[in-house]
Every structure is written in C-alpha cells, then in structure tokens.
Amino acid sequence: MEMASVSSNPRSVEEIFKDYSGRRSGIIRALTYDVDEFYSLCDPDKENLCLYGNPDQSWEVNLPAEEVPPELPEPALGINFARDGMNRKDWLSLVAVHSDSWLLSVAFYHGARFNRNER
C-alpha cells in the first residue's frame, strides 16, 4: 500500500487530531492488515527506510526526507536493518513503539506553532 506523501498543515487543535488519527490509522493498517506487504518492503539490503503514516490513512515505506530541516519530525530511521535479526513479532512491536513516538512528535510539532489563543 505504498502511496505518495500527503502534506498537511493543521490550523486548529481539531485538525491536528484529525491529522494524528489519519496517520495512526495508516500505521496500524501497515502493521496489521498489510503486514506481509510492509514486511517485504523493509528489505535489509536497502538504504535506511522509515515507516510513514499519512493523514489520509495510507502508509508508505520510504527514505527519510532530504530537505534540511525536514518538513516534519523524522520517524525511526533504518527500521529495515533489524528485520532479519529479530523475531518477526518482536520486530513489528519495535516498529510500533517507534511509530507511536513519531506520531506524538508530529502532533506536538504542529501544536507548538499555535499561540495561546489558538490552543
């Protein structure tokens, strides 16, 4: 289910929650329903890969953003390297923990731009 990134620029707390929920749904889909496709995309012979959840509830495995500084906080880098060295279930749990942290960092990144009245 690899899809193109969808940029988002939430302008309210409600939009941040909608962005968070969509990204979370995409990551959950990658780690559950689409787990076999996700696992195959995380080839350890490829470069440092990241799992991205998109606001439209899609997901993608891709290289980190090249622009410096990146538009959003980066997800865990190199999720593919540990894949073959771990039990599959343990590896998926590790990716889930890192993805959860990334989701929170994206939400806080968006929220930090608000002033007191916007929060």
PDB file of N, CA and C in Angstrom:
ATOM      1  N   MET A   1       0.833  -1.187   0.000  1.00  0.00           N
ATOM      2  CA  MET A   1       0.000   0.000   0.000  1.00  0.00           C
ATOM      3  C   MET A   1       0.870   1.240   0.000  1.00  0.00           C
ATOM      4  N   GLU A   2       1.947   1.224  -0.661  1.00  0.00           N
ATOM      5  CA  GLU A   2       2.835   2.378  -0.703  1.00  0.00           C
ATOM      6  C   GLU A   2       2.169   3.460  -1.542  1.00  0.00           C
ATOM      7  N   MET A   3       2.061   4.652  -0.960  1.00  0.00           N
ATOM      8  CA  MET A   3       1.404   5.755  -1.642  1.00  0.00           C
ATOM      9  C   MET A   3       2.254   7.007  -1.476  1.00  0.00           C
ATOM     10  N   ALA A   4       1.946   8.004  -2.282  1.00  0.00           N
ATOM     11  CA  ALA A   4       2.677   9.268  -2.193  1.00  0.00           C
ATOM     12  C   ALA A   4       2.314   9.991  -0.903  1.00  0.00           C
ATOM     13  N   SER A   5       3.251  10.768  -0.387  1.00  0.00           N
ATOM     14  CA  SER A   5       3.017  11.537   0.825  1.00  0.00           C
ATOM     15  C   SER A   5       1.943  12.585   0.595  1.00  0.00           C
ATOM     16  N   VAL A   6       1.183  12.821   1.630  1.00  0.00           N
ATOM     17  CA  VAL A   6       0.180  13.865   1.615  1.00  0.00           C
ATOM     18  C   VAL A   6       0.634  14.911   2.607  1.00  0.00           C
ATOM     19  N   SER A   7       0.852  16.130   2.134  1.00  0.00           N
ATOM     20  CA  SER A   7       1.292  17.164   3.063  1.00  0.00           C
ATOM     21  C   SER A   7       0.074  17.682   3.810  1.00  0.00           C
ATOM     22  N   SER A   8       0.297  18.069   5.041  1.00  0.00           N
ATOM     23  CA  SER A   8      -0.800  18.616   5.813  1.00  0.00           C
ATOM     24  C   SER A   8      -0.262  19.766   6.643  1.00  0.00           C
ATOM     25  N   ASN A   9      -1.136  20.721   6.869  1.00  0.00           N
ATOM     26  CA  ASN A   9      -0.775  21.881   7.662  1.00  0.00           C
ATOM     27  C   ASN A   9      -1.970  22.216   8.557  1.00  0.00           C
ATOM     28  N   PRO A  10      -2.164  21.468   9.638  1.00  0.00           N
ATOM     29  CA  PRO A  10      -3.321  21.701  10.504  1.00  0.00           C
ATOM     30  C   PRO A  10      -3.317  23.110  11.081  1.00  0.00           C
ATOM     31  N   ARG A  11      -4.493  23.724  11.115  1.00  0.00           N
ATOM     32  CA  ARG A  11      -4.616  25.092  11.588  1.00  0.00           C
ATOM     33  C   ARG A  11      -5.459  25.214  12.850  1.00  0.00           C
ATOM     34  N   SER A  12      -5.851  24.094  13.426  1.00  0.00           N
ATOM     35  CA  SER A  12      -6.604  24.110  14.681  1.00  0.00           C
ATOM     36  C   SER A  12      -6.293  22.821  15.445  1.00  0.00           C
ATOM     37  N   VAL A  13      -6.673  22.801  16.703  1.00  0.00           N
ATOM     38  CA  VAL A  13      -6.460  21.604  17.520  1.00  0.00           C
ATOM     39  C   VAL A  13      -7.239  20.428  16.927  1.00  0.00           C
ATOM     40  N   GLU A  14      -8.430  20.697  16.446  1.00  0.00           N
ATOM     41  CA  GLU A  14      -9.249  19.638  15.835  1.00  0.00           C
ATOM     42  C   GLU A  14      -8.571  19.074  14.589  1.00  0.00           C
ATOM     43  N   GLU A  15      -7.961  19.940  13.776  1.00  0.00           N
ATOM     44  CA  GLU A  15      -7.262  19.465  12.581  1.00  0.00           C
ATOM     45  C   GLU A  15      -6.011  18.672  12.942  1.00  0.00           C
ATOM     46  N   ILE A  16      -5.330  19.062  14.031  1.00  0.00           N
ATOM     47  CA  ILE A  16      -4.173  18.278  14.487  1.00  0.00           C
ATOM     48  C   ILE A  16      -4.631  16.883  14.883  1.00  0.00           C
ATOM     49  N   PHE A  17      -5.743  16.783  15.591  1.00  0.00           N
ATOM     50  CA  PHE A  17      -6.256  15.477  15.988  1.00  0.00           C
ATOM     51  C   PHE A  17      -6.649  14.652  14.768  1.00  0.00           C
ATOM     52  N   LYS A  18      -7.267  15.285  13.783  1.00  0.00           N
ATOM     53  CA  LYS A  18      -7.642  14.570  12.558  1.00  0.00           C
ATOM     54  C   LYS A  18      -6.390  14.074  11.825  1.00  0.00           C
ATOM     55  N   ASP A  19      -5.344  14.915  11.758  1.00  0.00           N
ATOM     56  CA  ASP A  19      -4.075  14.530  11.140  1.00  0.00           C
ATOM     57  C   ASP A  19      -3.472  13.342  11.893  1.00  0.00           C
ATOM     58  N   TYR A  20      -3.427  13.446  13.221  1.00  0.00           N
ATOM     59  CA  TYR A  20      -2.896  12.373  14.066  1.00  0.00           C
ATOM     60  C   TYR A  20      -3.674  11.074  13.847  1.00  0.00           C
ATOM     61  N   SER A  21      -4.989  11.159  13.871  1.00  0.00           N
ATOM     62  CA  SER A  21      -5.830   9.967  13.723  1.00  0.00           C
ATOM     63  C   SER A  21      -5.625   9.297  12.366  1.00  0.00           C
ATOM     64  N   GLY A  22      -5.517  10.104  11.306  1.00  0.00           N
ATOM     65  CA  GLY A  22      -5.293   9.549   9.974  1.00  0.00           C
ATOM     66  C   GLY A  22      -3.944   8.858   9.873  1.00  0.00           C
ATOM     67  N   ARG A  23      -2.898   9.511  10.396  1.00  0.00           N
ATOM     68  CA  ARG A  23      -1.564   8.906  10.369  1.00  0.00           C
ATOM     69  C   ARG A  23      -1.535   7.615  11.191  1.00  0.00           C
ATOM     70  N   ARG A  24      -2.188   7.649  12.351  1.00  0.00           N
ATOM     71  CA  ARG A  24      -2.233   6.471  13.221  1.00  0.00           C
ATOM     72  C   ARG A  24      -2.947   5.309  12.524  1.00  0.00           C
ATOM     73  N   SER A  25      -4.051   5.600  11.862  1.00  0.00           N
ATOM     74  CA  SER A  25      -4.784   4.560  11.134  1.00  0.00           C
ATOM     75  C   SER A  25      -3.924   3.936  10.037  1.00  0.00           C
ATOM     76  N   GLY A  26      -3.161   4.770   9.343  1.00  0.00           N
ATOM     77  CA  GLY A  26      -2.274   4.251   8.300  1.00  0.00           C
ATOM     78  C   GLY A  26      -1.212   3.325   8.860  1.00  0.00           C
ATOM     79  N   ILE A  27      -0.615   3.716   9.986  1.00  0.00           N
ATOM     80  CA  ILE A  27       0.422   2.884  10.605  1.00  0.00           C
ATOM     81  C   ILE A  27      -0.172   1.581  11.130  1.00  0.00           C
ATOM     82  N   ILE A  28      -1.335   1.661  11.744  1.00  0.00           N
ATOM     83  CA  ILE A  28      -1.994   0.440  12.232  1.00  0.00           C
ATOM     84  C   ILE A  28      -2.293  -0.492  11.067  1.00  0.00           C
ATOM     85  N   ARG A  29      -2.726   0.074   9.957  1.00  0.00           N
ATOM     86  CA  ARG A  29      -3.007  -0.743   8.774  1.00  0.00           C
ATOM     87  C   ARG A  29      -1.734  -1.442   8.285  1.00  0.00           C
ATOM     88  N   ALA A  30      -0.628  -0.704   8.250  1.00  0.00           N
ATOM     89  CA  ALA A  30       0.648  -1.290   7.790  1.00  0.00           C
ATOM     90  C   ALA A  30       1.082  -2.432   8.694  1.00  0.00           C
ATOM     91  N   LEU A  31       0.858  -2.279  10.002  1.00  0.00           N
ATOM     92  CA  LEU A  31       1.340  -3.269  10.970  1.00  0.00           C
ATOM     93  C   LEU A  31       0.352  -4.411  11.226  1.00  0.00           C
ATOM     94  N   THR A  32      -0.838  -4.331  10.629  1.00  0.00           N
ATOM     95  CA  THR A  32      -1.834  -5.391  10.838  1.00  0.00           C
ATOM     96  C   THR A  32      -2.322  -5.956   9.504  1.00  0.00           C
ATOM     97  N   TYR A  33      -3.227  -5.276   8.846  1.00  0.00           N
ATOM     98  CA  TYR A  33      -3.834  -5.788   7.612  1.00  0.00           C
ATOM     99  C   TYR A  33      -2.823  -5.963   6.483  1.00  0.00           C
ATOM    100  N   ASP A  34      -1.917  -5.013   6.333  1.00  0.00           N
ATOM    101  CA  ASP A  34      -0.956  -5.047   5.240  1.00  0.00           C
ATOM    102  C   ASP A  34       0.426  -5.515   5.695  1.00  0.00           C
ATOM    103  N   VAL A  35       0.475  -6.295   6.775  1.00  0.00           N
ATOM    104  CA  VAL A  35       1.752  -6.642   7.400  1.00  0.00           C
ATOM    105  C   VAL A  35       2.690  -7.402   6.461  1.00  0.00           C
ATOM    106  N   ASP A  36       2.173  -8.274   5.636  1.00  0.00           N
ATOM    107  CA  ASP A  36       3.051  -9.025   4.730  1.00  0.00           C
ATOM    108  C   ASP A  36       3.690  -8.100   3.688  1.00  0.00           C
ATOM    109  N   GLU A  37       2.908  -7.173   3.141  1.00  0.00           N
ATOM    110  CA  GLU A  37       3.446  -6.209   2.181  1.00  0.00           C
ATOM    111  C   GLU A  37       4.462  -5.292   2.872  1.00  0.00           C
ATOM    112  N   PHE A  38       4.124  -4.832   4.076  1.00  0.00           N
ATOM    113  CA  PHE A  38       5.034  -3.973   4.834  1.00  0.00           C
ATOM    114  C   PHE A  38       6.349  -4.695   5.102  1.00  0.00           C
ATOM    115  N   TYR A  39       6.271  -5.933   5.539  1.00  0.00           N
ATOM    116  CA  TYR A  39       7.457  -6.729   5.847  1.00  0.00           C
ATOM    117  C   TYR A  39       8.345  -6.876   4.611  1.00  0.00           C
ATOM    118  N   SER A  40       7.726  -7.133   3.470  1.00  0.00           N
ATOM    119  CA  SER A  40       8.525  -7.317   2.249  1.00  0.00           C
ATOM    120  C   SER A  40       9.161  -6.008   1.770  1.00  0.00           C
ATOM    121  N   LEU A  41       8.539  -4.869   2.028  1.00  0.00           N
ATOM    122  CA  LEU A  41       9.098  -3.581   1.624  1.00  0.00           C
ATOM    123  C   LEU A  41      10.301  -3.171   2.476  1.00  0.00           C
ATOM    124  N   CYS A  42      10.419  -3.745   3.663  1.00  0.00           N
ATOM    125  CA  CYS A  42      11.511  -3.397   4.588  1.00  0.00           C
ATOM    126  C   CYS A  42      12.710  -4.306   4.378  1.00  0.00           C
ATOM    127  N   ASP A  43      13.199  -4.360   3.169  1.00  0.00           N
ATOM    128  CA  ASP A  43      14.335  -5.199   2.810  1.00  0.00           C
ATOM    129  C   ASP A  43      15.609  -4.663   3.478  1.00  0.00           C
ATOM    130  N   PRO A  44      16.295  -5.479   4.282  1.00  0.00           N
ATOM    131  CA  PRO A  44      17.512  -5.027   4.963  1.00  0.00           C
ATOM    132  C   PRO A  44      18.646  -4.626   4.019  1.00  0.00           C
ATOM    133  N   ASP A  45      18.578  -5.030   2.756  1.00  0.00           N
ATOM    134  CA  ASP A  45      19.624  -4.678   1.798  1.00  0.00           C
ATOM    135  C   ASP A  45      19.441  -3.277   1.218  1.00  0.00           C
ATOM    136  N   LYS A  46      18.318  -2.642   1.513  1.00  0.00           N
ATOM    137  CA  LYS A  46      18.061  -1.282   1.020  1.00  0.00           C
ATOM    138  C   LYS A  46      18.641  -0.263   1.989  1.00  0.00           C
ATOM    139  N   GLU A  47      18.562   1.001   1.608  1.00  0.00           N
ATOM    140  CA  GLU A  47      19.041   2.108   2.448  1.00  0.00           C
ATOM    141  C   GLU A  47      18.203   2.206   3.720  1.00  0.00           C
ATOM    142  N   ASN A  48      18.516   3.199   4.560  1.00  0.00           N
ATOM    143  CA  ASN A  48      17.751   3.471   5.788  1.00  0.00           C
ATOM    144  C   ASN A  48      16.305   3.797   5.447  1.00  0.00           C
ATOM    145  N   LEU A  49      15.392   2.919   5.800  1.00  0.00           N
ATOM    146  CA  LEU A  49      13.985   3.136   5.492  1.00  0.00           C
ATOM    147  C   LEU A  49      13.208   3.574   6.724  1.00  0.00           C
ATOM    148  N   CYS A  50      12.114   4.275   6.480  1.00  0.00           N
ATOM    149  CA  CYS A  50      11.221   4.749   7.541  1.00  0.00           C
ATOM    150  C   CYS A  50       9.787   4.369   7.190  1.00  0.00           C
ATOM    151  N   LEU A  51       8.960   4.154   8.211  1.00  0.00           N
ATOM    152  CA  LEU A  51       7.528   3.948   8.013  1.00  0.00           C
ATOM    153  C   LEU A  51       6.838   5.279   8.259  1.00  0.00           C
ATOM    154  N   TYR A  52       6.127   5.752   7.248  1.00  0.00           N
ATOM    155  CA  TYR A  52       5.365   6.995   7.347  1.00  0.00           C
ATOM    156  C   TYR A  52       3.875   6.677   7.339  1.00  0.00           C
ATOM    157  N   GLY A  53       3.148   7.248   8.270  1.00  0.00           N
ATOM    158  CA  GLY A  53       1.693   7.229   8.229  1.00  0.00           C
ATOM    159  C   GLY A  53       1.261   8.562   7.659  1.00  0.00           C
ATOM    160  N   ASN A  54       0.355   8.544   6.708  1.00  0.00           N
ATOM    161  CA  ASN A  54      -0.098   9.773   6.068  1.00  0.00           C
ATOM    162  C   ASN A  54      -1.453  10.200   6.614  1.00  0.00           C
ATOM    163  N   PRO A  55      -1.770  11.495   6.540  1.00  0.00           N
ATOM    164  CA  PRO A  55      -3.044  11.987   7.085  1.00  0.00           C
ATOM    165  C   PRO A  55      -4.270  11.374   6.426  1.00  0.00           C
ATOM    166  N   ASP A  56      -4.118  10.826   5.216  1.00  0.00           N
ATOM    167  CA  ASP A  56      -5.259  10.222   4.521  1.00  0.00           C
ATOM    168  C   ASP A  56      -5.424   8.731   4.854  1.00  0.00           C
ATOM    169  N   GLN A  57      -4.816   8.280   5.928  1.00  0.00           N
ATOM    170  CA  GLN A  57      -4.894   6.908   6.435  1.00  0.00           C
ATOM    171  C   GLN A  57      -4.129   5.906   5.577  1.00  0.00           C
ATOM    172  N   SER A  58      -3.262   6.385   4.711  1.00  0.00           N
ATOM    173  CA  SER A  58      -2.397   5.491   3.940  1.00  0.00           C
ATOM    174  C   SER A  58      -1.046   5.428   4.654  1.00  0.00           C
ATOM    175  N   TRP A  59      -0.171   4.593   4.154  1.00  0.00           N
ATOM    176  CA  TRP A  59       1.164   4.454   4.727  1.00  0.00           C
ATOM    177  C   TRP A  59       2.160   4.255   3.600  1.00  0.00           C
ATOM    178  N   GLU A  60       3.419   4.474   3.924  1.00  0.00           N
ATOM    179  CA  GLU A  60       4.473   4.222   2.951  1.00  0.00           C
ATOM    180  C   GLU A  60       5.777   3.919   3.677  1.00  0.00           C
ATOM    181  N   VAL A  61       6.597   3.129   3.030  1.00  0.00           N
ATOM    182  CA  VAL A  61       7.955   2.863   3.493  1.00  0.00           C
ATOM    183  C   VAL A  61       8.845   3.584   2.502  1.00  0.00           C
ATOM    184  N   ASN A  62       9.660   4.496   3.032  1.00  0.00           N
ATOM    185  CA  ASN A  62      10.453   5.328   2.140  1.00  0.00           C
ATOM    186  C   ASN A  62      11.711   5.800   2.844  1.00  0.00           C
ATOM    187  N   LEU A  63      12.604   6.399   2.079  1.00  0.00           N
ATOM    188  CA  LEU A  63      13.791   7.022   2.639  1.00  0.00           C
ATOM    189  C   LEU A  63      13.379   8.277   3.404  1.00  0.00           C
ATOM    190  N   PRO A  64      14.171   8.715   4.371  1.00  0.00           N
ATOM    191  CA  PRO A  64      13.830   9.946   5.080  1.00  0.00           C
ATOM    192  C   PRO A  64      13.873  11.151   4.143  1.00  0.00           C
ATOM    193  N   ALA A  65      13.201  12.207   4.550  1.00  0.00           N
ATOM    194  CA  ALA A  65      13.170  13.431   3.747  1.00  0.00           C
ATOM    195  C   ALA A  65      14.583  13.971   3.554  1.00  0.00           C
ATOM    196  N   GLU A  66      14.847  14.513   2.379  1.00  0.00           N
ATOM    197  CA  GLU A  66      16.187  15.021   2.081  1.00  0.00           C
ATOM    198  C   GLU A  66      16.361  16.479   2.475  1.00  0.00           C
ATOM    199  N   GLU A  67      15.257  17.240   2.548  1.00  0.00           N
ATOM    200  CA  GLU A  67      15.415  18.651   2.876  1.00  0.00           C
ATOM    201  C   GLU A  67      15.854  18.819   4.324  1.00  0.00           C
ATOM    202  N   VAL A  68      16.677  19.817   4.542  1.00  0.00           N
ATOM    203  CA  VAL A  68      17.202  20.078   5.878  1.00  0.00           C
ATOM    204  C   VAL A  68      16.811  21.497   6.247  1.00  0.00           C
ATOM    205  N   PRO A  69      16.080  21.765   7.298  1.00  0.00           N
ATOM    206  CA  PRO A  69      15.481  20.765   8.180  1.00  0.00           C
ATOM    207  C   PRO A  69      14.270  20.125   7.504  1.00  0.00           C
ATOM    208  N   PRO A  70      13.924  18.909   7.907  1.00  0.00           N
ATOM    209  CA  PRO A  70      12.766  18.241   7.314  1.00  0.00           C
ATOM    210  C   PRO A  70      11.480  18.984   7.651  1.00  0.00           C
ATOM    211  N   GLU A  71      10.492  18.821   6.799  1.00  0.00           N
ATOM    212  CA  GLU A  71       9.195  19.480   6.994  1.00  0.00           C
ATOM    213  C   GLU A  71       8.531  19.013   8.285  1.00  0.00           C
ATOM    214  N   LEU A  72       8.668  17.750   8.613  1.00  0.00           N
ATOM    215  CA  LEU A  72       8.104  17.158   9.831  1.00  0.00           C
ATOM    216  C   LEU A  72       9.205  16.417  10.580  1.00  0.00           C
ATOM    217  N   PRO A  73       8.999  16.122  11.848  1.00  0.00           N
ATOM    218  CA  PRO A  73       9.960  15.255  12.551  1.00  0.00           C
ATOM    219  C   PRO A  73      10.095  13.928  11.802  1.00  0.00           C
ATOM    220  N   GLU A  74      11.290  13.384  11.781  1.00  0.00           N
ATOM    221  CA  GLU A  74      11.516  12.119  11.078  1.00  0.00           C
ATOM    222  C   GLU A  74      11.104  10.933  11.929  1.00  0.00           C
ATOM    223  N   PRO A  75      10.504   9.927  11.293  1.00  0.00           N
ATOM    224  CA  PRO A  75      10.236   8.683  12.030  1.00  0.00           C
ATOM    225  C   PRO A  75      11.531   7.917  12.265  1.00  0.00           C
ATOM    226  N   ALA A  76      11.445   6.813  12.973  1.00  0.00           N
ATOM    227  CA  ALA A  76      12.633   5.998  13.264  1.00  0.00           C
ATOM    228  C   ALA A  76      13.327   5.627  11.956  1.00  0.00           C
ATOM    229  N   LEU A  77      14.610   5.848  11.933  1.00  0.00           N
ATOM    230  CA  LEU A  77      15.409   5.626  10.735  1.00  0.00           C
ATOM    231  C   LEU A  77      15.991   4.216  10.750  1.00  0.00           C
ATOM    232  N   GLY A  78      15.934   3.546   9.615  1.00  0.00           N
ATOM    233  CA  GLY A  78      16.563   2.234   9.483  1.00  0.00           C
ATOM    234  C   GLY A  78      15.777   1.088  10.069  1.00  0.00           C
ATOM    235  N   ILE A  79      14.443   1.161   9.987  1.00  0.00           N
ATOM    236  CA  ILE A  79      13.619   0.084  10.552  1.00  0.00           C
ATOM    237  C   ILE A  79      13.884  -1.249   9.866  1.00  0.00           C
ATOM    238  N   ASN A  80      14.413  -1.196   8.655  1.00  0.00           N
ATOM    239  CA  ASN A  80      14.644  -2.424   7.892  1.00  0.00           C
ATOM    240  C   ASN A  80      15.878  -3.203   8.339  1.00  0.00           C
ATOM    241  N   PHE A  81      16.835  -2.558   9.006  1.00  0.00           N
ATOM    242  CA  PHE A  81      18.083  -3.248   9.328  1.00  0.00           C
ATOM    243  C   PHE A  81      17.917  -4.352  10.361  1.00  0.00           C
ATOM    244  N   ALA A  82      17.044  -4.178  11.324  1.00  0.00           N
ATOM    245  CA  ALA A  82      16.863  -5.174  12.385  1.00  0.00           C
ATOM    246  C   ALA A  82      15.877  -6.273  11.998  1.00  0.00           C
ATOM    247  N   ARG A  83      15.252  -6.150  10.851  1.00  0.00           N
ATOM    248  CA  ARG A  83      14.167  -7.061  10.482  1.00  0.00           C
ATOM    249  C   ARG A  83      14.571  -8.532  10.529  1.00  0.00           C
ATOM    250  N   ASP A  84      15.647  -8.905   9.894  1.00  0.00           N
ATOM    251  CA  ASP A  84      16.020 -10.315   9.814  1.00  0.00           C
ATOM    252  C   ASP A  84      16.747 -10.816  11.055  1.00  0.00           C
ATOM    253  N   GLY A  85      17.202  -9.910  11.911  1.00  0.00           N
ATOM    254  CA  GLY A  85      17.919 -10.302  13.114  1.00  0.00           C
ATOM    255  C   GLY A  85      17.019 -10.497  14.327  1.00  0.00           C
ATOM    256  N   MET A  86      15.718 -10.312  14.145  1.00  0.00           N
ATOM    257  CA  MET A  86      14.770 -10.420  15.261  1.00  0.00           C
ATOM    258  C   MET A  86      13.618 -11.324  14.876  1.00  0.00           C
ATOM    259  N   ASN A  87      12.939 -11.805  15.889  1.00  0.00           N
ATOM    260  CA  ASN A  87      11.676 -12.500  15.692  1.00  0.00           C
ATOM    261  C   ASN A  87      10.710 -11.511  15.036  1.00  0.00           C
ATOM    262  N   ARG A  88       9.912 -11.958  14.075  1.00  0.00           N
ATOM    263  CA  ARG A  88       9.012 -11.071  13.323  1.00  0.00           C
ATOM    264  C   ARG A  88       8.080 -10.280  14.240  1.00  0.00           C
ATOM    265  N   LYS A  89       7.489 -10.943  15.219  1.00  0.00           N
ATOM    266  CA  LYS A  89       6.555 -10.276  16.135  1.00  0.00           C
ATOM    267  C   LYS A  89       7.280  -9.215  16.969  1.00  0.00           C
ATOM    268  N   ASP A  90       8.481  -9.523  17.433  1.00  0.00           N
ATOM    269  CA  ASP A  90       9.266  -8.557  18.206  1.00  0.00           C
ATOM    270  C   ASP A  90       9.659  -7.360  17.348  1.00  0.00           C
ATOM    271  N   TRP A  91      10.019  -7.614  16.094  1.00  0.00           N
ATOM    272  CA  TRP A  91      10.389  -6.529  15.192  1.00  0.00           C
ATOM    273  C   TRP A  91       9.195  -5.613  14.933  1.00  0.00           C
ATOM    274  N   LEU A  92       8.035  -6.208  14.705  1.00  0.00           N
ATOM    275  CA  LEU A  92       6.830  -5.399  14.491  1.00  0.00           C
ATOM    276  C   LEU A  92       6.486  -4.575  15.728  1.00  0.00           C
ATOM    277  N   SER A  93       6.687  -5.143  16.910  1.00  0.00           N
ATOM    278  CA  SER A  93       6.454  -4.400  18.159  1.00  0.00           C
ATOM    279  C   SER A  93       7.420  -3.228  18.277  1.00  0.00           C
ATOM    280  N   LEU A  94       8.664  -3.446  17.901  1.00  0.00           N
ATOM    281  CA  LEU A  94       9.660  -2.375  17.939  1.00  0.00           C
ATOM    282  C   LEU A  94       9.286  -1.243  16.978  1.00  0.00           C
ATOM    283  N   VAL A  95       8.865  -1.592  15.772  1.00  0.00           N
ATOM    284  CA  VAL A  95       8.437  -0.583  14.798  1.00  0.00           C
ATOM    285  C   VAL A  95       7.210   0.161  15.330  1.00  0.00           C
ATOM    286  N   ALA A  96       6.286  -0.557  15.977  1.00  0.00           N
ATOM    287  CA  ALA A  96       5.090   0.074  16.529  1.00  0.00           C
ATOM    288  C   ALA A  96       5.437   1.091  17.611  1.00  0.00           C
ATOM    289  N   VAL A  97       6.379   0.752  18.493  1.00  0.00           N
ATOM    290  CA  VAL A  97       6.789   1.673  19.559  1.00  0.00           C
ATOM    291  C   VAL A  97       7.410   2.931  18.962  1.00  0.00           C
ATOM    292  N   HIS A  98       8.293   2.761  17.987  1.00  0.00           N
ATOM    293  CA  HIS A  98       8.921   3.920  17.353  1.00  0.00           C
ATOM    294  C   HIS A  98       7.896   4.755  16.587  1.00  0.00           C
ATOM    295  N   SER A  99       6.941   4.104  15.958  1.00  0.00           N
ATOM    296  CA  SER A  99       5.905   4.816  15.208  1.00  0.00           C
ATOM    297  C   SER A  99       5.008   5.616  16.139  1.00  0.00           C
ATOM    298  N   ASP A 100       4.699   5.056  17.298  1.00  0.00           N
ATOM    299  CA  ASP A 100       3.876   5.757  18.278  1.00  0.00           C
ATOM    300  C   ASP A 100       4.573   7.033  18.743  1.00  0.00           C
ATOM    301  N   SER A 101       5.853   6.938  19.009  1.00  0.00           N
ATOM    302  CA  SER A 101       6.630   8.116  19.413  1.00  0.00           C
ATOM    303  C   SER A 101       6.651   9.156  18.299  1.00  0.00           C
ATOM    304  N   TRP A 102       6.781   8.708  17.064  1.00  0.00           N
ATOM    305  CA  TRP A 102       6.788   9.626  15.926  1.00  0.00           C
ATOM    306  C   TRP A 102       5.448  10.343  15.798  1.00  0.00           C
ATOM    307  N   LEU A 103       4.351   9.612  15.970  1.00  0.00           N
ATOM    308  CA  LEU A 103       3.029  10.237  15.882  1.00  0.00           C
ATOM    309  C   LEU A 103       2.879  11.368  16.896  1.00  0.00           C
ATOM    310  N   LEU A 104       3.328  11.123  18.126  1.00  0.00           N
ATOM    311  CA  LEU A 104       3.245  12.164  19.147  1.00  0.00           C
ATOM    312  C   LEU A 104       4.139  13.350  18.801  1.00  0.00           C
ATOM    313  N   SER A 105       5.330  13.090  18.276  1.00  0.00           N
ATOM    314  CA  SER A 105       6.226  14.196  17.932  1.00  0.00           C
ATOM    315  C   SER A 105       5.643  15.045  16.803  1.00  0.00           C
ATOM    316  N   VAL A 106       4.961  14.432  15.849  1.00  0.00           N
ATOM    317  CA  VAL A 106       4.323  15.191  14.766  1.00  0.00           C
ATOM    318  C   VAL A 106       3.191  16.052  15.332  1.00  0.00           C
ATOM    319  N   ALA A 107       2.381  15.492  16.218  1.00  0.00           N
ATOM    320  CA  ALA A 107       1.284  16.260  16.823  1.00  0.00           C
ATOM    321  C   ALA A 107       1.821  17.446  17.622  1.00  0.00           C
ATOM    322  N   PHE A 108       2.869  17.220  18.407  1.00  0.00           N
ATOM    323  CA  PHE A 108       3.457  18.310  19.188  1.00  0.00           C
ATOM    324  C   PHE A 108       4.125  19.342  18.276  1.00  0.00           C
ATOM    325  N   TYR A 109       4.719  18.896  17.186  1.00  0.00           N
ATOM    326  CA  TYR A 109       5.325  19.811  16.218  1.00  0.00           C
ATOM    327  C   TYR A 109       4.271  20.772  15.683  1.00  0.00           C
ATOM    328  N   HIS A 110       3.114  20.227  15.295  1.00  0.00           N
ATOM    329  CA  HIS A 110       2.032  21.080  14.790  1.00  0.00           C
ATOM    330  C   HIS A 110       1.497  21.995  15.887  1.00  0.00           C
ATOM    331  N   GLY A 111       1.318  21.474  17.085  1.00  0.00           N
ATOM    332  CA  GLY A 111       0.767  22.253  18.183  1.00  0.00           C
ATOM    333  C   GLY A 111       1.680  23.358  18.672  1.00  0.00           C
ATOM    334  N   ALA A 112       2.977  23.174  18.544  1.00  0.00           N
ATOM    335  CA  ALA A 112       3.938  24.168  19.028  1.00  0.00           C
ATOM    336  C   ALA A 112       3.865  25.469  18.242  1.00  0.00           C
ATOM    337  N   ARG A 113       3.300  25.431  17.059  1.00  0.00           N
ATOM    338  CA  ARG A 113       3.202  26.637  16.235  1.00  0.00           C
ATOM    339  C   ARG A 113       2.023  27.514  16.627  1.00  0.00           C
ATOM    340  N   PHE A 114       1.135  27.026  17.475  1.00  0.00           N
ATOM    341  CA  PHE A 114      -0.037  27.792  17.885  1.00  0.00           C
ATOM    342  C   PHE A 114       0.309  28.755  19.007  1.00  0.00           C
ATOM    343  N   ASN A 115      -0.366  29.891  19.005  1.00  0.00           N
ATOM    344  CA  ASN A 115      -0.214  30.786  20.139  1.00  0.00           C
ATOM    345  C   ASN A 115      -1.228  30.397  21.223  1.00  0.00           C
ATOM    346  N   ARG A 116      -1.236  31.114  22.308  1.00  0.00           N
ATOM    347  CA  ARG A 116      -2.080  30.757  23.448  1.00  0.00           C
ATOM    348  C   ARG A 116      -3.555  30.727  23.090  1.00  0.00           C
ATOM    349  N   ASN A 117      -4.003  31.646  22.274  1.00  0.00           N
ATOM    350  CA  ASN A 117      -5.425  31.698  21.898  1.00  0.00           C
ATOM    351  C   ASN A 117      -5.809  30.552  20.955  1.00  0.00           C
ATOM    352  N   GLU A 118      -4.901  30.138  20.104  1.00  0.00           N
ATOM    353  CA  GLU A 118      -5.191  29.061  19.153  1.00  0.00           C
ATOM    354  C   GLU A 118      -5.241  27.693  19.841  1.00  0.00           C
ATOM    355  N   ARG A 119      -4.553  27.569  20.979  1.00  0.00           N
ATOM    356  CA  ARG A 119      -4.551  26.299  21.683  1.00  0.00           C
ATOM    357  C   ARG A 119      -5.854  26.137  22.404  1.00  0.00           C
TER     358      ARG A 119
END
